[in-house]
N, C-alpha and C. Protein backbone atom coordinates (compact mmCIF):
# COMPACT_ATOMS: atom_id res chain seq x y z
N UNK A 1 -113.65 28.96 169.93
CA UNK A 1 -112.62 28.11 170.50
C UNK A 1 -111.60 27.77 169.43
N UNK A 2 -110.52 27.17 169.89
CA UNK A 2 -109.38 26.90 169.01
C UNK A 2 -108.92 25.46 169.16
N UNK A 3 -108.56 24.86 168.04
CA UNK A 3 -107.89 23.56 168.03
C UNK A 3 -106.40 23.85 167.89
N UNK A 4 -105.60 23.46 168.87
CA UNK A 4 -104.15 23.67 168.85
C UNK A 4 -103.47 22.35 168.55
N UNK A 5 -102.65 22.36 167.51
CA UNK A 5 -101.97 21.15 167.07
C UNK A 5 -100.48 21.42 166.99
N UNK A 6 -99.68 20.61 167.66
CA UNK A 6 -98.23 20.74 167.60
C UNK A 6 -97.67 19.64 166.69
N UNK A 7 -96.77 20.03 165.80
CA UNK A 7 -96.17 19.07 164.88
C UNK A 7 -94.66 19.23 164.88
N UNK A 8 -94.00 18.22 164.32
CA UNK A 8 -92.58 18.31 164.01
C UNK A 8 -92.44 17.86 162.57
N UNK A 9 -91.28 17.51 162.14
CA UNK A 9 -91.07 17.12 160.75
C UNK A 9 -91.31 15.64 160.50
N UNK A 10 -91.79 14.92 161.48
CA UNK A 10 -92.06 13.49 161.34
C UNK A 10 -93.15 13.28 160.28
N UNK A 11 -93.00 12.28 159.41
CA UNK A 11 -94.01 12.04 158.37
C UNK A 11 -95.42 11.79 158.93
N UNK A 12 -95.53 11.28 160.13
CA UNK A 12 -96.83 11.02 160.74
C UNK A 12 -97.60 12.28 161.08
N UNK A 13 -96.92 13.43 161.06
CA UNK A 13 -97.60 14.68 161.43
C UNK A 13 -98.65 15.06 160.40
N UNK A 14 -98.55 14.57 159.19
CA UNK A 14 -99.55 14.89 158.17
C UNK A 14 -100.92 14.35 158.57
N UNK A 15 -100.95 13.17 159.14
CA UNK A 15 -102.22 12.61 159.62
C UNK A 15 -102.78 13.44 160.77
N UNK A 16 -101.90 13.94 161.63
CA UNK A 16 -102.32 14.79 162.75
C UNK A 16 -102.94 16.08 162.21
N UNK A 17 -102.30 16.67 161.22
CA UNK A 17 -102.82 17.90 160.61
C UNK A 17 -104.17 17.65 159.97
N UNK A 18 -104.28 16.57 159.24
CA UNK A 18 -105.54 16.24 158.57
C UNK A 18 -106.68 16.06 159.58
N UNK A 19 -106.42 15.34 160.64
CA UNK A 19 -107.44 15.12 161.68
C UNK A 19 -107.82 16.43 162.36
N UNK A 20 -106.82 17.24 162.69
CA UNK A 20 -107.09 18.52 163.34
C UNK A 20 -107.89 19.44 162.42
N UNK A 21 -107.57 19.45 161.15
CA UNK A 21 -108.29 20.30 160.19
C UNK A 21 -109.74 19.85 160.05
N UNK A 22 -109.96 18.54 159.95
CA UNK A 22 -111.32 18.02 159.87
C UNK A 22 -112.12 18.38 161.12
N UNK A 23 -111.50 18.26 162.27
CA UNK A 23 -112.16 18.59 163.53
C UNK A 23 -112.48 20.08 163.60
N UNK A 24 -111.52 20.92 163.28
CA UNK A 24 -111.74 22.36 163.33
C UNK A 24 -112.82 22.80 162.33
N UNK A 25 -112.77 22.22 161.14
CA UNK A 25 -113.77 22.56 160.13
C UNK A 25 -115.16 22.10 160.56
N UNK A 26 -115.24 20.86 161.04
CA UNK A 26 -116.52 20.30 161.45
C UNK A 26 -117.15 21.03 162.63
N UNK A 27 -116.32 21.54 163.52
CA UNK A 27 -116.81 22.24 164.71
C UNK A 27 -116.80 23.76 164.55
N UNK A 28 -116.44 24.23 163.35
CA UNK A 28 -116.35 25.65 163.04
C UNK A 28 -115.45 26.37 164.05
N UNK A 29 -114.24 25.83 164.22
CA UNK A 29 -113.28 26.38 165.16
C UNK A 29 -112.03 26.83 164.41
N UNK A 30 -111.25 27.69 165.05
CA UNK A 30 -109.97 28.13 164.50
C UNK A 30 -108.95 27.00 164.68
N UNK A 31 -108.08 26.84 163.68
CA UNK A 31 -107.01 25.85 163.76
C UNK A 31 -105.67 26.56 163.86
N UNK A 32 -104.93 26.28 164.93
CA UNK A 32 -103.58 26.81 165.11
C UNK A 32 -102.63 25.62 165.09
N UNK A 33 -101.65 25.69 164.19
CA UNK A 33 -100.65 24.62 164.10
C UNK A 33 -99.30 25.22 164.47
N UNK A 34 -98.68 24.66 165.49
CA UNK A 34 -97.36 25.13 165.91
C UNK A 34 -96.33 24.05 165.54
N UNK A 35 -95.26 24.49 164.92
CA UNK A 35 -94.20 23.61 164.45
C UNK A 35 -93.04 23.70 165.44
N UNK A 36 -92.72 22.61 166.07
CA UNK A 36 -91.65 22.58 167.07
C UNK A 36 -90.33 22.29 166.35
N UNK A 37 -89.41 23.25 166.47
CA UNK A 37 -88.13 23.13 165.78
C UNK A 37 -87.00 23.34 166.79
N UNK A 38 -85.82 22.81 166.49
CA UNK A 38 -84.67 23.05 167.37
C UNK A 38 -84.36 24.54 167.46
N UNK A 39 -83.85 24.93 168.59
CA UNK A 39 -83.51 26.33 168.86
C UNK A 39 -82.56 26.90 167.80
N UNK A 40 -81.70 26.07 167.27
CA UNK A 40 -80.69 26.51 166.30
C UNK A 40 -81.25 26.72 164.91
N UNK A 41 -82.46 26.27 164.63
CA UNK A 41 -83.02 26.36 163.28
C UNK A 41 -83.20 27.80 162.84
N UNK A 42 -82.94 28.02 161.57
CA UNK A 42 -83.17 29.35 161.01
C UNK A 42 -84.67 29.59 160.83
N UNK A 43 -85.10 30.82 161.05
CA UNK A 43 -86.52 31.16 160.98
C UNK A 43 -87.09 30.93 159.58
N UNK A 44 -86.37 31.37 158.55
CA UNK A 44 -86.87 31.21 157.18
C UNK A 44 -87.00 29.74 156.80
N UNK A 45 -86.00 28.96 157.17
CA UNK A 45 -86.02 27.53 156.86
C UNK A 45 -87.18 26.84 157.58
N UNK A 46 -87.36 27.15 158.84
CA UNK A 46 -88.43 26.54 159.63
C UNK A 46 -89.81 26.98 159.13
N UNK A 47 -89.94 28.24 158.73
CA UNK A 47 -91.20 28.74 158.18
C UNK A 47 -91.53 28.03 156.88
N UNK A 48 -90.55 27.88 156.01
CA UNK A 48 -90.76 27.18 154.75
C UNK A 48 -91.15 25.73 155.00
N UNK A 49 -90.52 25.11 156.01
CA UNK A 49 -90.81 23.72 156.33
C UNK A 49 -92.26 23.54 156.79
N UNK A 50 -92.72 24.39 157.72
CA UNK A 50 -94.09 24.25 158.20
C UNK A 50 -95.09 24.53 157.08
N UNK A 51 -94.81 25.52 156.25
CA UNK A 51 -95.72 25.81 155.14
C UNK A 51 -95.81 24.64 154.18
N UNK A 52 -94.68 24.03 153.88
CA UNK A 52 -94.66 22.88 152.97
C UNK A 52 -95.41 21.69 153.56
N UNK A 53 -95.17 21.40 154.84
CA UNK A 53 -95.84 20.27 155.48
C UNK A 53 -97.35 20.48 155.50
N UNK A 54 -97.78 21.66 155.95
CA UNK A 54 -99.22 21.92 156.08
C UNK A 54 -99.88 22.00 154.71
N UNK A 55 -99.22 22.63 153.75
CA UNK A 55 -99.80 22.77 152.43
C UNK A 55 -99.93 21.42 151.71
N UNK A 56 -99.16 20.44 152.11
CA UNK A 56 -99.29 19.11 151.51
C UNK A 56 -100.59 18.43 151.96
N UNK A 57 -101.21 18.97 153.01
CA UNK A 57 -102.45 18.40 153.55
C UNK A 57 -103.64 19.35 153.34
N UNK A 58 -103.40 20.66 153.58
CA UNK A 58 -104.46 21.66 153.51
C UNK A 58 -104.13 22.61 152.36
N UNK A 59 -105.04 22.74 151.41
CA UNK A 59 -104.79 23.57 150.24
C UNK A 59 -104.68 25.06 150.56
N UNK A 60 -105.54 25.55 151.42
CA UNK A 60 -105.62 26.99 151.68
C UNK A 60 -105.00 27.33 153.04
N UNK A 61 -103.78 27.85 153.01
CA UNK A 61 -103.09 28.19 154.26
C UNK A 61 -103.72 29.39 154.97
N UNK A 62 -104.57 30.13 154.27
CA UNK A 62 -105.24 31.28 154.90
C UNK A 62 -106.24 30.86 155.96
N UNK A 63 -106.62 29.58 155.97
CA UNK A 63 -107.59 29.10 156.95
C UNK A 63 -106.93 28.59 158.22
N UNK A 64 -105.58 28.66 158.27
CA UNK A 64 -104.83 28.10 159.39
C UNK A 64 -103.85 29.15 159.93
N UNK A 65 -103.71 29.18 161.24
CA UNK A 65 -102.72 30.04 161.89
C UNK A 65 -101.47 29.19 162.14
N UNK A 66 -100.39 29.50 161.43
CA UNK A 66 -99.14 28.73 161.55
C UNK A 66 -98.18 29.47 162.48
N UNK A 67 -97.58 28.73 163.40
CA UNK A 67 -96.63 29.33 164.36
C UNK A 67 -95.41 28.44 164.51
N UNK A 68 -94.31 29.05 164.89
CA UNK A 68 -93.07 28.32 165.16
C UNK A 68 -92.82 28.32 166.66
N UNK A 69 -92.31 27.22 167.16
CA UNK A 69 -91.94 27.11 168.57
C UNK A 69 -90.52 26.56 168.60
N UNK A 70 -89.59 27.41 168.95
CA UNK A 70 -88.19 26.98 169.06
C UNK A 70 -87.96 26.39 170.43
N UNK A 71 -87.30 25.25 170.43
CA UNK A 71 -87.13 24.53 171.68
C UNK A 71 -85.76 23.86 171.70
N UNK A 72 -85.25 23.72 172.91
CA UNK A 72 -84.05 22.90 173.07
C UNK A 72 -84.51 21.45 173.03
N UNK A 73 -84.36 20.86 171.88
CA UNK A 73 -84.87 19.51 171.69
C UNK A 73 -83.77 18.51 172.00
N UNK A 74 -84.15 17.46 172.69
CA UNK A 74 -83.24 16.38 172.97
C UNK A 74 -83.98 15.09 172.69
N UNK A 75 -83.26 14.16 172.14
CA UNK A 75 -83.88 12.87 171.88
C UNK A 75 -83.86 12.06 173.16
N UNK A 76 -84.99 11.48 173.48
CA UNK A 76 -85.13 10.62 174.65
C UNK A 76 -85.72 9.30 174.21
N UNK A 77 -85.31 8.26 174.85
CA UNK A 77 -86.00 6.99 174.69
C UNK A 77 -87.22 7.04 175.58
N UNK A 78 -88.35 6.68 175.04
CA UNK A 78 -89.58 6.69 175.82
C UNK A 78 -90.08 5.26 175.94
N UNK A 79 -90.34 4.86 177.15
CA UNK A 79 -90.90 3.54 177.41
C UNK A 79 -92.21 3.71 178.16
N UNK A 80 -93.09 2.80 177.97
CA UNK A 80 -94.36 2.84 178.67
C UNK A 80 -94.30 1.85 179.83
N UNK A 81 -94.60 2.35 181.01
CA UNK A 81 -94.70 1.49 182.17
C UNK A 81 -96.06 0.80 182.11
N UNK A 82 -96.09 -0.48 181.90
CA UNK A 82 -97.34 -1.20 181.70
C UNK A 82 -98.23 -1.21 182.94
N UNK A 83 -97.66 -1.01 184.12
CA UNK A 83 -98.46 -1.05 185.33
C UNK A 83 -99.34 0.17 185.49
N UNK A 84 -98.78 1.37 185.29
CA UNK A 84 -99.59 2.56 185.49
C UNK A 84 -99.75 3.38 184.21
N UNK A 85 -99.25 2.89 183.08
CA UNK A 85 -99.45 3.48 181.76
C UNK A 85 -98.93 4.90 181.65
N UNK A 86 -97.91 5.24 182.38
CA UNK A 86 -97.31 6.57 182.27
C UNK A 86 -96.02 6.48 181.47
N UNK A 87 -95.73 7.55 180.76
CA UNK A 87 -94.49 7.61 180.00
C UNK A 87 -93.32 7.84 180.96
N UNK A 88 -92.24 7.17 180.68
CA UNK A 88 -91.05 7.36 181.49
C UNK A 88 -89.94 7.76 180.53
N UNK A 89 -89.31 8.90 180.76
CA UNK A 89 -88.21 9.33 179.93
C UNK A 89 -86.92 9.21 180.72
N UNK A 90 -85.86 8.78 180.05
CA UNK A 90 -84.56 8.70 180.69
C UNK A 90 -83.48 8.96 179.69
């Protein structure tokens, strides 16, 4: 089985990577980390960015499958509806 983890350049993603790596290692599973970048991002720049982010947490990049996901990213304000606990984007 595989642990799939999506990250962006947010500083909090390092904790996500660390948790996913611990889980994958503990369960003897493959770890796939996909880096979500804007569609306009250059491939080399985005590749260097994901390698730098992941390597700051995991020493051996050979143990991780790194992937890029280009997306039309838009910033949305997200609010939580306290009644039914669903995210509402507008």
